[in-house]
């Protein structure tokens, strides 16, 4: 009992910290009495669950490392540096070096310790409640189930078999959790999500006061249980599709169930995001600082601008682009180059030597390759030559960092019609494509247009250029409508399953980009089977493709007996269960391989 009491008390401290992100009034009421520390507040622990680092918004350290490794591997983080011939012929293993091992162990430890501590503490408190209290507070527990499923889905997708059923047993002095198979974890998560959605559908608050109390600490959905239910169901859809190669019967039956219920994140108004409440430390501690420091890898990828967005520069475009056959997200996702043009950086030296001299002088190219265009050594300076990810968009501290939304859901539904024609009669794939593009565009424009931070604001942000300002949302409606129709018609006109799957993947790649590289990585590995063993995207040349994250080295010494069951899988070229592959995908882009 003393162990449990110490565990709960330590969680109370965490709840205090999380509480600072909820409201000062709540803190005044709950924590000015120091004796309250031994009586942790259930609702504030729920708030603490949602504010965990790198769960619903990414933190500084991991963002820094994934931009260096994942971004390079996925071809999302492009850089003039990688076009230097001395770099271009060097084999890169993203799990090596000083950065790789830190990043590889981070999410494993987060899920198995940090993400779960408050939830396990809440479970302990919940067990000690009366039947009446449990009925009142079940809404918190069901939402926590959805949060925990979200975290473990990410973790098992990256690592394959992980500790799951016995995680969080330290308060019962169970310090060495066994490893569970990815298959068992998947099936349990799908059941938990289904149960959580059903229980929330039936739940009724006993009073408006209780409903208001929940809304106050519900940082994701602001008390809207319908959105929690839709999140659970969309997560089920994501996971069901991930099993399309290993359990197609489960995939099809799950999707049929979800389509019949028609309660997923299908409209842009359903989209769920997490807004950083602690603006004072937003830059210092979160995604923004990691991206700021990895401006070296923040060039605009030609693979997105040209190949996915269908945009290619034409003389005079810097004075205003009038055609509508390209993706209007271009303006909000990327900021133009030093001449006001959207010229994406290619991935190979051969492409660079062929394409870039059309747009830049020899001196400009030399300055770009060797970063001589940044006199104060900050890669976001306005003197930088290349087009880059849009600083006005990606550095808006008021951003609702995307958690789950209708773009992904609609693209998955479109994929279902491609894989199993006629099985889901009421899914209109063309409309799904249009809705996916609309919702994604809405997110990026709302984020760009609402940017209010500058050099003199609190917190301050440097190097936000006027040319990074996208048009007003109202002013692009004609362009957006035209492009939605253009893109949807292109999708419908594709004749092969592979081409349609590639189109859908490209839309996910464009929408998620550096905001959610994990899901791009997961989707890419899933599609290798459909692409005859090859990756569905172009990676940075000579970066060895990593099929899974590595388990922390500490597992061998701290949990050796259980780790022995999975140690043979701890290699970069062992695919995870749901890929249904035994042969690793290879990066064929580049000469050194």
Protein backbone atom coordinates (compact mmCIF):
# COMPACT_ATOMS: atom_id res chain seq x y z
CA UNK A 1 0.00 0.00 0.00
CA UNK A 2 2.88 2.37 0.77
CA UNK A 3 4.28 1.71 -2.71
CA UNK A 4 0.96 2.69 -4.26
CA UNK A 5 0.73 5.79 -2.08
CA UNK A 6 4.20 6.95 -3.11
CA UNK A 7 3.30 6.29 -6.74
CA UNK A 8 0.14 8.39 -6.54
CA UNK A 9 1.93 11.18 -4.69
CA UNK A 10 4.58 11.42 -7.40
CA UNK A 11 1.82 11.64 -9.99
CA UNK A 12 0.25 14.49 -8.08
CA UNK A 13 3.41 16.49 -8.69
CA UNK A 14 3.05 15.80 -12.39
CA UNK A 15 -0.57 16.87 -12.26
CA UNK A 16 0.47 20.17 -10.70
CA UNK A 17 2.80 20.81 -13.62
CA UNK A 18 0.10 19.86 -16.11
CA UNK A 19 -2.33 22.02 -14.22
CA UNK A 20 -0.30 25.09 -15.06
CA UNK A 21 -1.33 24.42 -18.63
CA UNK A 22 -5.02 24.27 -17.73
CA UNK A 23 -5.91 27.38 -15.74
CA UNK A 24 -4.59 29.43 -12.85
CA UNK A 25 -8.04 29.47 -11.26
CA UNK A 26 -8.06 25.69 -11.12
CA UNK A 27 -4.63 25.68 -9.53
CA UNK A 28 -5.66 28.27 -6.97
CA UNK A 29 -8.57 26.12 -5.94
CA UNK A 30 -6.82 22.76 -5.98
CA UNK A 31 -3.25 23.32 -4.91
CA UNK A 32 -2.86 26.32 -2.58
CA UNK A 33 -3.53 23.84 0.20
CA UNK A 34 -0.28 21.86 0.46
CA UNK A 35 -2.15 18.94 2.04
CA UNK A 36 -3.83 18.42 -1.33
CA UNK A 37 -0.62 16.87 -2.62
CA UNK A 38 -1.50 13.54 -1.01
CA UNK A 39 -5.01 13.71 -2.51
CA UNK A 40 -4.31 14.09 -6.23
CA UNK A 41 -7.07 15.49 -8.36
CA UNK A 42 -8.45 12.93 -10.82
CA UNK A 43 -9.38 15.49 -13.46
CA UNK A 44 -6.02 17.26 -13.38
CA UNK A 45 -4.27 13.93 -13.80
CA UNK A 46 -6.36 13.55 -16.96
CA UNK A 47 -5.04 16.91 -18.17
CA UNK A 48 -1.50 15.74 -17.38
CA UNK A 49 -2.02 12.66 -19.55
CA UNK A 50 -2.74 14.85 -22.56
CA UNK A 51 0.26 17.14 -22.10
CA UNK A 52 2.94 14.46 -22.18
CA UNK A 53 5.92 15.39 -24.32
CA UNK A 54 5.96 14.05 -27.85
CA UNK A 55 2.49 12.53 -27.64
CA UNK A 56 0.05 15.03 -29.14
CA UNK A 57 2.62 17.69 -29.94
CA UNK A 58 6.27 16.97 -30.44
CA UNK A 59 9.02 18.11 -28.14
CA UNK A 60 12.31 19.77 -28.88
CA UNK A 61 14.79 16.91 -28.60
CA UNK A 62 12.95 14.28 -30.59
CA UNK A 63 12.02 16.78 -33.33
CA UNK A 64 15.69 17.75 -33.63
CA UNK A 65 16.68 14.09 -34.01
CA UNK A 66 13.93 12.98 -36.37
CA UNK A 67 14.68 15.89 -38.69
CA UNK A 68 18.27 14.62 -38.90
CA UNK A 69 17.39 10.93 -39.30
CA UNK A 70 13.78 10.23 -40.22
CA UNK A 71 13.45 13.35 -42.33
CA UNK A 72 16.52 12.44 -44.33
CA UNK A 73 15.48 8.79 -44.68
CA UNK A 74 11.98 9.71 -45.87
CA UNK A 75 13.10 12.47 -48.21
CA UNK A 76 11.11 14.99 -46.17
CA UNK A 77 14.05 16.92 -44.77
CA UNK A 78 16.01 18.08 -47.79
CA UNK A 79 19.13 20.19 -47.77
CA UNK A 80 21.64 21.73 -50.16
CA UNK A 81 24.22 20.02 -47.97
CA UNK A 82 23.08 16.62 -49.28
CA UNK A 83 23.69 17.76 -52.85
CA UNK A 84 27.39 18.30 -52.18
CA UNK A 85 29.28 15.56 -54.02
CA UNK A 86 31.39 14.76 -50.98
CA UNK A 87 28.20 13.94 -49.08
CA UNK A 88 26.39 12.35 -52.00
CA UNK A 89 28.52 9.21 -52.04
CA UNK A 90 28.51 8.49 -48.32
CA UNK A 91 26.42 5.65 -46.90
CA UNK A 92 24.19 6.98 -44.10
CA UNK A 93 22.72 4.75 -41.40
CA UNK A 94 20.20 6.91 -39.50
CA UNK A 95 20.38 4.82 -36.34
CA UNK A 96 24.12 5.41 -35.95
CA UNK A 97 26.15 8.38 -34.73
CA UNK A 98 25.52 10.50 -31.66
CA UNK A 99 21.90 11.22 -32.63
CA UNK A 100 20.54 7.85 -33.73
CA UNK A 101 20.71 5.82 -30.49
CA UNK A 102 19.09 8.64 -28.49
CA UNK A 103 16.19 8.87 -30.90
CA UNK A 104 15.75 5.11 -31.19
CA UNK A 105 15.23 4.66 -27.45
CA UNK A 106 13.11 7.76 -26.90
CA UNK A 107 9.62 6.64 -27.96
CA UNK A 108 10.10 3.20 -26.41
CA UNK A 109 10.81 4.74 -23.02
CA UNK A 110 8.07 7.36 -23.42
CA UNK A 111 5.34 4.78 -24.05
CA UNK A 112 6.47 2.28 -21.46
CA UNK A 113 7.01 4.86 -18.75
CA UNK A 114 6.15 8.49 -19.36
CA UNK A 115 2.93 8.14 -21.39
CA UNK A 116 1.48 5.61 -18.96
CA UNK A 117 2.29 6.85 -15.47
CA UNK A 118 -0.69 9.15 -14.94
CA UNK A 119 -3.08 6.72 -16.58
CA UNK A 120 -1.99 3.90 -14.29
CA UNK A 121 -2.32 6.24 -11.32
CA UNK A 122 -5.84 7.12 -12.44
CA UNK A 123 -6.67 3.42 -12.68
CA UNK A 124 -5.56 2.94 -9.08
CA UNK A 125 -7.72 5.82 -7.89
CA UNK A 126 -10.63 4.59 -9.97
CA UNK A 127 -10.50 1.14 -8.37
CA UNK A 128 -10.87 2.73 -4.96
CA UNK A 129 -14.03 4.68 -5.87
CA UNK A 130 -17.58 3.74 -5.06
CA UNK A 131 -19.83 2.41 -7.82
CA UNK A 132 -21.48 5.80 -8.07
CA UNK A 133 -18.15 7.61 -8.34
CA UNK A 134 -16.90 5.14 -10.95
CA UNK A 135 -19.99 5.71 -13.06
CA UNK A 136 -19.43 9.48 -12.86
CA UNK A 137 -15.75 9.27 -13.73
CA UNK A 138 -15.88 6.53 -16.36
CA UNK A 139 -15.73 9.22 -19.05
CA UNK A 140 -12.16 10.04 -18.00
CA UNK A 141 -11.12 6.41 -18.09
CA UNK A 142 -12.60 5.73 -21.53
CA UNK A 143 -10.85 8.80 -22.95
CA UNK A 144 -7.64 7.62 -21.30
CA UNK A 145 -8.11 4.28 -23.04
CA UNK A 146 -8.19 6.09 -26.37
CA UNK A 147 -5.07 8.11 -25.47
CA UNK A 148 -3.18 5.02 -24.36
CA UNK A 149 -4.20 3.15 -27.53
CA UNK A 150 -2.96 6.10 -29.61
CA UNK A 151 0.43 5.98 -27.85
CA UNK A 152 0.85 2.20 -28.06
CA UNK A 153 -0.20 2.12 -31.71
CA UNK A 154 2.67 4.47 -32.50
CA UNK A 155 5.10 2.51 -30.38
CA UNK A 156 4.30 -0.97 -31.66
CA UNK A 157 4.28 0.27 -35.25
CA UNK A 158 7.82 1.54 -34.79
CA UNK A 159 9.22 -1.34 -32.70
CA UNK A 160 6.99 -4.37 -33.46
CA UNK A 161 6.79 -6.52 -30.27
CA UNK A 162 6.90 -4.38 -27.12
CA UNK A 163 5.88 -4.66 -23.45
CA UNK A 164 2.16 -3.91 -23.42
CA UNK A 165 -0.08 -5.97 -21.13
CA UNK A 166 2.28 -5.71 -18.14
CA UNK A 167 3.39 -2.11 -18.68
CA UNK A 168 2.80 0.12 -15.66
CA UNK A 169 3.04 -2.67 -13.12
CA UNK A 170 5.83 -1.02 -11.12
CA UNK A 171 3.37 0.21 -8.47
CA UNK A 172 2.59 -3.48 -7.87
CA UNK A 173 6.33 -4.17 -7.80
CA UNK A 174 6.24 -5.81 -11.24
CA UNK A 175 9.34 -4.26 -12.67
CA UNK A 176 10.11 -6.54 -15.60
CA UNK A 177 7.28 -6.60 -18.16
CA UNK A 178 7.19 -9.32 -20.79
CA UNK A 179 7.16 -8.51 -24.49
CA UNK A 180 3.88 -9.02 -26.33
CA UNK A 181 3.50 -9.70 -30.02
CA UNK A 182 2.40 -6.93 -32.32
CA UNK A 183 -0.52 -9.09 -33.42
CA UNK A 184 -1.79 -9.51 -29.84
CA UNK A 185 -1.32 -5.79 -29.15
CA UNK A 186 -3.22 -4.82 -32.29
CA UNK A 187 -6.17 -7.05 -31.55
CA UNK A 188 -6.39 -5.80 -27.97
CA UNK A 189 -6.18 -2.14 -28.99
CA UNK A 190 -8.93 -2.61 -31.57
CA UNK A 191 -11.15 -4.15 -28.87
CA UNK A 192 -10.35 -1.38 -26.39
CA UNK A 193 -11.14 1.33 -28.91
CA UNK A 194 -14.44 -0.29 -29.84
CA UNK A 195 -15.43 -0.59 -26.18
CA UNK A 196 -14.37 2.97 -25.40
CA UNK A 197 -16.42 4.35 -28.30
CA UNK A 198 -19.49 2.34 -27.27
CA UNK A 199 -19.22 3.37 -23.60
CA UNK A 200 -18.78 7.04 -24.49
CA UNK A 201 -21.81 6.83 -26.79
CA UNK A 202 -23.90 5.69 -23.85
CA UNK A 203 -22.39 8.04 -21.27
CA UNK A 204 -24.42 10.90 -19.80
CA UNK A 205 -23.07 13.56 -17.45
CA UNK A 206 -25.06 13.74 -14.24
CA UNK A 207 -25.10 17.54 -14.29
CA UNK A 208 -23.99 20.55 -16.29
CA UNK A 209 -21.36 21.19 -13.62
CA UNK A 210 -19.77 17.77 -14.16
CA UNK A 211 -19.89 18.31 -17.92
CA UNK A 212 -18.20 21.69 -17.53
CA UNK A 213 -15.52 20.24 -15.24
CA UNK A 214 -14.67 17.63 -17.87
CA UNK A 215 -14.56 20.21 -20.67
CA UNK A 216 -12.13 22.34 -18.63
CA UNK A 217 -9.48 19.59 -18.59
CA UNK A 218 -10.27 18.07 -21.97
CA UNK A 219 -7.51 19.76 -23.93
CA UNK A 220 -8.06 17.72 -27.09
CA UNK A 221 -11.81 17.88 -27.72
CA UNK A 222 -13.02 20.56 -25.27
CA UNK A 223 -15.65 18.28 -23.77
CA UNK A 224 -17.06 17.08 -27.10
CA UNK A 225 -17.55 13.33 -26.59
CA UNK A 226 -18.60 12.88 -30.20
CA UNK A 227 -15.10 13.84 -31.33
CA UNK A 228 -13.55 11.38 -28.85
CA UNK A 229 -15.75 8.66 -30.33
CA UNK A 230 -14.79 9.68 -33.85
CA UNK A 231 -11.12 9.68 -32.87
CA UNK A 232 -11.41 6.13 -31.50
CA UNK A 233 -13.15 4.96 -34.66
CA UNK A 234 -10.67 6.66 -36.99
CA UNK A 235 -7.81 5.09 -35.05
CA UNK A 236 -9.53 1.72 -35.56
CA UNK A 237 -9.70 2.48 -39.28
CA UNK A 238 -5.98 3.33 -39.39
CA UNK A 239 -5.04 0.13 -37.60
CA UNK A 240 -7.45 -2.04 -39.57
CA UNK A 241 -5.94 -0.85 -42.84
CA UNK A 242 -2.46 -1.46 -41.49
CA UNK A 243 -3.37 -5.15 -41.25
CA UNK A 244 -4.57 -5.33 -44.87
CA UNK A 245 -1.84 -7.82 -45.81
CA UNK A 246 -1.85 -10.03 -42.70
CA UNK A 247 -5.52 -10.02 -41.65
CA UNK A 248 -7.58 -8.82 -44.62
CA UNK A 249 -10.74 -10.42 -43.21
CA UNK A 250 -10.41 -8.37 -40.01
CA UNK A 251 -9.65 -5.25 -42.06
CA UNK A 252 -12.72 -5.64 -44.25
CA UNK A 253 -15.12 -6.49 -41.41
CA UNK A 254 -13.84 -3.60 -39.29
CA UNK A 255 -14.19 -1.09 -42.12
CA UNK A 256 -17.70 -2.34 -42.93
CA UNK A 257 -18.65 -1.84 -39.29
CA UNK A 258 -17.20 1.66 -39.20
CA UNK A 259 -18.75 2.71 -42.50
CA UNK A 260 -22.16 1.43 -41.38
CA UNK A 261 -21.93 3.43 -38.14
CA UNK A 262 -20.59 6.46 -40.05
CA UNK A 263 -19.01 8.08 -37.01
CA UNK A 264 -15.39 8.85 -37.87
CA UNK A 265 -13.33 12.01 -38.37
CA UNK A 266 -14.68 12.61 -41.86
CA UNK A 267 -15.24 16.40 -41.91
CA UNK A 268 -12.69 19.15 -41.42
CA UNK A 269 -14.74 20.38 -38.45
CA UNK A 270 -13.98 17.07 -36.72
CA UNK A 271 -10.19 17.50 -36.89
CA UNK A 272 -8.43 17.13 -33.56
CA UNK A 273 -5.38 19.17 -32.63
CA UNK A 274 -3.40 20.07 -29.54
CA UNK A 275 -2.65 23.71 -28.87
CA UNK A 276 0.29 24.40 -26.60
CA UNK A 277 -1.13 26.13 -23.54
CA UNK A 278 2.20 27.23 -22.11
CA UNK A 279 3.07 29.80 -24.77
CA UNK A 280 5.93 31.22 -22.70
CA UNK A 281 7.95 28.03 -23.15
CA UNK A 282 6.46 26.92 -26.46
CA UNK A 283 9.58 27.73 -28.45
CA UNK A 284 12.03 26.58 -25.83
CA UNK A 285 10.66 23.10 -25.15
CA UNK A 286 8.67 21.87 -28.12
CA UNK A 287 8.60 21.12 -31.85
CA UNK A 288 9.36 24.72 -32.77
CA UNK A 289 12.87 24.77 -31.34
CA UNK A 290 13.73 21.40 -32.84
CA UNK A 291 12.67 22.59 -36.28
CA UNK A 292 14.39 25.95 -35.79
CA UNK A 293 17.71 24.26 -35.07
CA UNK A 294 17.33 21.88 -38.01
CA UNK A 295 16.74 24.57 -40.58
CA UNK A 296 19.57 22.87 -42.47
CA UNK A 297 17.11 20.07 -43.39
CA UNK A 298 14.13 22.36 -43.96
CA UNK A 299 14.46 22.98 -47.67
CA UNK A 300 11.33 22.61 -49.80
CA UNK A 301 11.36 19.11 -51.36
CA UNK A 302 10.90 19.01 -55.13
CA UNK A 303 9.25 15.63 -54.59
CA UNK A 304 6.35 17.45 -52.92
CA UNK A 305 6.24 20.69 -54.92
CA UNK A 306 6.67 19.21 -58.38
CA UNK A 307 5.65 15.56 -58.12
CA UNK A 308 2.72 15.80 -55.68
CA UNK A 309 1.52 19.41 -55.82
CA UNK A 310 1.85 19.49 -59.59
CA UNK A 311 3.60 22.86 -59.56
CA UNK A 312 6.47 23.83 -61.84
CA UNK A 313 7.79 27.36 -62.07
CA UNK A 314 6.95 29.42 -65.14
CA UNK A 315 8.55 32.82 -65.85
CA UNK A 316 6.53 35.56 -64.22
CA UNK A 317 5.14 33.39 -61.41
CA UNK A 318 6.96 35.51 -58.84
CA UNK A 319 4.56 38.32 -59.76
CA UNK A 320 1.50 36.23 -59.01
CA UNK A 321 0.43 32.77 -60.23
CA UNK A 322 -2.89 32.77 -62.05
CA UNK A 323 -3.33 29.13 -63.09
CA UNK A 324 -5.26 26.69 -60.86
CA UNK A 325 -3.85 23.30 -61.86
CA UNK A 326 -1.51 23.06 -58.86
CA UNK A 327 -2.08 22.53 -55.15
CA UNK A 328 -2.78 25.83 -53.32
CA UNK A 329 -1.20 24.40 -50.16
CA UNK A 330 2.03 25.43 -51.86
CA UNK A 331 1.70 28.98 -50.51
CA UNK A 332 1.08 27.94 -46.90
CA UNK A 333 3.43 24.96 -46.64
CA UNK A 334 6.45 26.59 -48.26
CA UNK A 335 8.02 30.02 -48.40
CA UNK A 336 9.52 31.10 -51.74
CA UNK A 337 13.20 31.34 -52.53
CA UNK A 338 15.23 34.54 -52.46
CA UNK A 339 13.73 35.56 -55.83
CA UNK A 340 10.13 34.92 -54.78
CA UNK A 341 9.84 31.58 -56.62
CA UNK A 342 8.83 28.10 -55.49
CA UNK A 343 11.74 25.99 -56.69
CA UNK A 344 11.99 22.69 -54.82
CA UNK A 345 15.31 21.10 -53.93
CA UNK A 346 15.93 17.77 -55.69
CA UNK A 347 17.33 14.71 -53.94
CA UNK A 348 20.24 13.79 -56.19
CA UNK A 349 23.27 15.67 -57.44
CA UNK A 350 22.41 14.60 -60.99
CA UNK A 351 19.00 16.27 -60.75
CA UNK A 352 20.50 19.34 -59.10
CA UNK A 353 23.05 19.78 -61.88
CA UNK A 354 20.31 19.36 -64.46
CA UNK A 355 17.58 21.52 -62.91
CA UNK A 356 18.96 24.17 -60.58
CA UNK A 357 21.19 26.06 -63.09
CA UNK A 358 17.95 27.01 -64.88
CA UNK A 359 17.06 29.19 -61.89
CA UNK A 360 20.27 30.16 -60.06
CA UNK A 361 23.63 31.62 -61.00
CA UNK A 362 26.80 29.65 -60.40
CA UNK A 363 27.64 31.86 -57.42
CA UNK A 364 24.16 31.38 -55.95
CA UNK A 365 24.49 27.63 -56.28
CA UNK A 366 27.90 27.65 -54.61
CA UNK A 367 26.60 29.84 -51.80
CA UNK A 368 23.58 27.56 -51.39
CA UNK A 369 25.57 24.32 -51.30
CA UNK A 370 28.06 25.61 -48.76
CA UNK A 371 25.61 27.73 -46.73
CA UNK A 372 27.46 30.94 -47.56
CA UNK A 373 24.03 32.58 -47.83
CA UNK A 374 23.59 32.75 -44.03
CA UNK A 375 26.00 35.36 -42.65
CA UNK A 376 24.99 34.94 -39.01
CA UNK A 377 24.90 31.15 -39.34
CA UNK A 378 21.15 30.83 -38.83
CA UNK A 379 19.64 28.69 -41.61
CA UNK A 380 16.35 30.66 -41.49
CA UNK A 381 17.87 34.05 -42.36
CA UNK A 382 16.06 35.95 -45.14
CA UNK A 383 19.30 35.90 -47.12
CA UNK A 384 18.92 32.14 -47.61
CA UNK A 385 18.61 31.26 -51.29
CA UNK A 386 16.39 28.14 -51.46
CA UNK A 387 12.64 27.80 -50.92
CA UNK A 388 11.98 26.29 -47.48
CA UNK A 389 9.21 25.02 -45.28
CA UNK A 390 7.10 28.05 -44.39
CA UNK A 391 8.33 29.58 -41.15
CA UNK A 392 5.14 31.60 -40.77
CA UNK A 393 3.09 28.38 -40.76
CA UNK A 394 5.29 25.94 -38.88
CA UNK A 395 6.28 28.44 -36.18
CA UNK A 396 2.81 29.64 -35.19
CA UNK A 397 2.73 28.99 -31.43
CA UNK A 398 -1.08 29.12 -31.55
CA UNK A 399 -1.13 26.20 -33.96
CA UNK A 400 -3.33 23.24 -33.11
CA UNK A 401 -0.70 20.59 -33.67
CA UNK A 402 -2.47 17.90 -35.76
CA UNK A 403 -3.36 14.80 -33.74
CA UNK A 404 -5.87 13.03 -36.01
CA UNK A 405 -8.17 14.31 -38.68
CA UNK A 406 -10.38 13.97 -41.69
CA UNK A 407 -7.61 14.09 -44.30
CA UNK A 408 -6.18 10.76 -43.18
CA UNK A 409 -9.61 9.21 -42.60
CA UNK A 410 -10.89 10.11 -46.05
CA UNK A 411 -7.72 8.89 -47.73
CA UNK A 412 -8.01 5.56 -45.90
CA UNK A 413 -11.64 5.24 -46.99
CA UNK A 414 -10.61 5.96 -50.57
CA UNK A 415 -7.96 3.26 -50.28
CA UNK A 416 -10.57 0.78 -49.06
CA UNK A 417 -12.50 1.24 -52.32
CA UNK A 418 -9.31 0.67 -54.31
CA UNK A 419 -8.35 -2.53 -52.53
CA UNK A 420 -11.82 -4.04 -52.33
CA UNK A 421 -14.07 -2.60 -55.06
CA UNK A 422 -17.76 -2.96 -54.29
CA UNK A 423 -17.30 -4.03 -50.64
CA UNK A 424 -18.19 -0.58 -49.29
CA UNK A 425 -20.89 0.65 -51.61
CA UNK A 426 -21.57 4.01 -49.99
CA UNK A 427 -17.99 5.30 -50.09
CA UNK A 428 -17.46 7.84 -52.86
CA UNK A 429 -13.71 7.73 -53.44
CA UNK A 430 -13.67 10.89 -55.56
CA UNK A 431 -15.43 12.88 -52.84
CA UNK A 432 -13.08 11.43 -50.21
CA UNK A 433 -10.09 12.76 -52.18
CA UNK A 434 -11.65 16.21 -52.45
CA UNK A 435 -12.54 16.35 -48.75
CA UNK A 436 -9.03 15.22 -47.80
CA UNK A 437 -7.42 18.02 -49.82
CA UNK A 438 -9.92 20.61 -48.54
CA UNK A 439 -9.33 19.75 -44.86
CA UNK A 440 -5.55 19.74 -45.26
CA UNK A 441 -5.61 23.07 -47.09
CA UNK A 442 -7.88 24.55 -44.43
CA UNK A 443 -5.45 23.53 -41.67
CA UNK A 444 -2.40 25.03 -43.35
CA UNK A 445 -4.12 28.29 -44.32
CA UNK A 446 -5.71 28.77 -40.91
CA UNK A 447 -2.32 28.23 -39.30
CA UNK A 448 -0.51 30.57 -41.69
CA UNK A 449 -3.17 33.30 -41.68
CA UNK A 450 -3.46 33.37 -37.87
CA UNK A 451 0.27 33.81 -37.25
CA UNK A 452 0.72 36.78 -34.89
CA UNK A 453 4.25 36.26 -33.56
CA UNK A 454 7.26 38.35 -34.54
CA UNK A 455 10.54 39.69 -33.18
CA UNK A 456 8.83 41.78 -30.49
CA UNK A 457 6.10 39.37 -29.39
CA UNK A 458 6.13 37.08 -26.35
CA UNK A 459 7.38 34.56 -27.15
CA UNK A 460 9.34 36.14 -29.97
CA UNK A 461 10.19 34.55 -33.28
CA UNK A 462 12.83 35.77 -35.72
CA UNK A 463 13.03 35.61 -39.49
CA UNK A 464 9.30 35.42 -40.28
CA UNK A 465 9.28 37.00 -43.73
CA UNK A 466 6.45 38.91 -45.36
CA UNK A 467 6.75 36.74 -48.46
CA UNK A 468 5.87 33.72 -46.31
CA UNK A 469 2.34 35.05 -45.85
CA UNK A 470 -0.16 32.94 -47.77
CA UNK A 471 -3.23 34.51 -49.41
CA UNK A 472 -6.32 34.91 -47.26
CA UNK A 473 -8.45 31.79 -46.96
CA UNK A 474 -11.42 33.50 -48.63
CA UNK A 475 -9.29 34.48 -51.61
CA UNK A 476 -8.27 30.96 -52.64
CA UNK A 477 -11.69 29.29 -52.69
CA UNK A 478 -11.91 29.32 -56.48
CA UNK A 479 -8.38 27.97 -56.81
CA UNK A 480 -9.03 25.28 -54.19
CA UNK A 481 -12.30 24.14 -55.81
CA UNK A 482 -10.61 23.91 -59.21
CA UNK A 483 -7.67 21.95 -57.84
CA UNK A 484 -9.85 19.56 -55.82
CA UNK A 485 -11.69 18.67 -59.03
CA UNK A 486 -8.43 18.43 -60.98
CA UNK A 487 -6.83 16.10 -58.39
CA UNK A 488 -9.93 13.97 -57.88
CA UNK A 489 -10.36 13.49 -61.63
CA UNK A 490 -6.71 12.53 -61.92
CA UNK A 491 -7.21 9.90 -59.20
CA UNK A 492 -10.32 8.48 -60.89
CA UNK A 493 -8.54 8.33 -64.26
CA UNK A 494 -5.72 6.13 -62.92
CA UNK A 495 -6.18 2.58 -64.14
CA UNK A 496 -3.92 0.48 -61.92
CA UNK A 497 -4.28 -0.29 -58.23
CA UNK A 498 -0.63 0.56 -57.70
CA UNK A 499 -1.02 4.02 -59.24
CA UNK A 500 -4.08 4.77 -57.11
CA UNK A 501 -2.32 3.62 -53.94
CA UNK A 502 0.64 5.82 -54.87
CA UNK A 503 -1.68 8.82 -55.37
CA UNK A 504 -3.24 8.27 -51.92
CA UNK A 505 0.15 7.82 -50.27
CA UNK A 506 1.43 11.01 -51.90
CA UNK A 507 -1.49 12.95 -50.42
CA UNK A 508 -0.63 11.62 -46.96
CA UNK A 509 3.02 12.44 -47.56
CA UNK A 510 2.10 16.01 -48.49
CA UNK A 511 -0.33 16.57 -45.63
CA UNK A 512 1.67 14.96 -42.81
CA UNK A 513 5.19 15.91 -43.94
CA UNK A 514 7.46 16.97 -41.05
CA UNK A 515 4.38 17.32 -38.79
CA UNK A 516 3.88 13.55 -38.57
CA UNK A 517 6.77 11.60 -40.08
CA UNK A 518 5.91 8.48 -38.04
CA UNK A 519 2.67 7.81 -39.90
CA UNK A 520 4.37 8.41 -43.25
CA UNK A 521 7.01 5.89 -42.22
CA UNK A 522 4.35 3.38 -41.16
CA UNK A 523 2.33 3.78 -44.34
CA UNK A 524 5.42 3.47 -46.52
CA UNK A 525 6.44 0.17 -44.94
CA UNK A 526 2.90 -1.15 -45.30
CA UNK A 527 2.82 -0.37 -49.03
CA UNK A 528 6.13 -2.04 -49.90
CA UNK A 529 4.18 -5.26 -50.56
CA UNK A 530 2.05 -3.41 -53.10
CA UNK A 531 5.09 -1.89 -54.81
CA UNK A 532 6.94 -5.13 -55.58
CA UNK A 533 9.34 -4.75 -52.68
CA UNK A 534 10.21 -1.12 -53.31
CA UNK A 535 9.46 2.00 -51.27
CA UNK A 536 6.55 4.18 -52.41
CA UNK A 537 8.66 7.35 -52.14
CA UNK A 538 12.10 8.64 -53.09
CA UNK A 539 14.48 8.77 -50.14
CA UNK A 540 17.62 10.84 -49.82
CA UNK A 541 20.37 9.07 -51.77
CA UNK A 542 22.44 6.51 -49.94
CA UNK A 543 20.45 6.55 -46.70
CA UNK A 544 19.93 2.95 -45.62
CA UNK A 545 16.24 2.30 -45.03
CA UNK A 546 15.46 1.30 -41.45
CA UNK A 547 12.63 -1.24 -41.15
CA UNK A 548 12.12 -0.69 -37.44
CA UNK A 549 13.33 1.29 -34.46
CA UNK A 550 15.94 -0.33 -32.22
CA UNK A 551 15.13 -1.39 -28.68
CA UNK A 552 17.07 0.53 -26.01
CA UNK A 553 20.33 -1.13 -25.02
CA UNK A 554 19.20 -0.85 -21.40
CA UNK A 555 16.61 -3.58 -22.00
CA UNK A 556 19.37 -6.18 -22.24
CA UNK A 557 20.67 -5.34 -18.78
CA UNK A 558 17.45 -4.27 -17.07
CA UNK A 559 14.93 -6.72 -18.52
CA UNK A 560 17.22 -9.32 -20.05
CA UNK A 561 15.10 -12.43 -19.53
CA UNK A 562 12.07 -10.97 -21.29
CA UNK A 563 14.13 -9.13 -23.88
CA UNK A 564 15.71 -12.43 -24.94
CA UNK A 565 12.43 -13.36 -26.63
CA UNK A 566 12.72 -10.49 -29.12
CA UNK A 567 16.48 -9.84 -29.26
CA UNK A 568 16.79 -11.65 -32.60
CA UNK A 569 14.48 -9.05 -34.17
CA UNK A 570 16.58 -6.09 -33.06
CA UNK A 571 18.05 -5.40 -36.49
CA UNK A 572 17.40 -2.61 -38.99
CA UNK A 573 16.39 -5.05 -41.76
CA UNK A 574 13.73 -7.10 -39.94
CA UNK A 575 10.25 -5.95 -41.03
CA UNK A 576 7.47 -5.68 -38.44
CA UNK A 577 4.60 -8.18 -38.32
CA UNK A 578 1.93 -6.29 -40.25
CA UNK A 579 4.18 -5.78 -43.29
CA UNK A 580 3.91 -9.54 -44.04
CA UNK A 581 7.46 -9.37 -45.28
CA UNK A 582 10.67 -11.14 -44.40
CA UNK A 583 12.80 -9.16 -46.86
CA UNK A 584 13.71 -5.57 -46.07
CA UNK A 585 12.88 -2.70 -48.40
CA UNK A 586 15.86 -0.97 -49.92
CA UNK A 587 16.58 2.62 -50.84
CA UNK A 588 17.36 2.48 -54.57
CA UNK A 589 17.89 6.22 -54.93
CA UNK A 590 21.57 6.99 -55.32
CA UNK A 591 24.75 5.47 -56.71
CA UNK A 592 26.76 4.43 -53.65
CA UNK A 593 24.39 1.60 -52.80
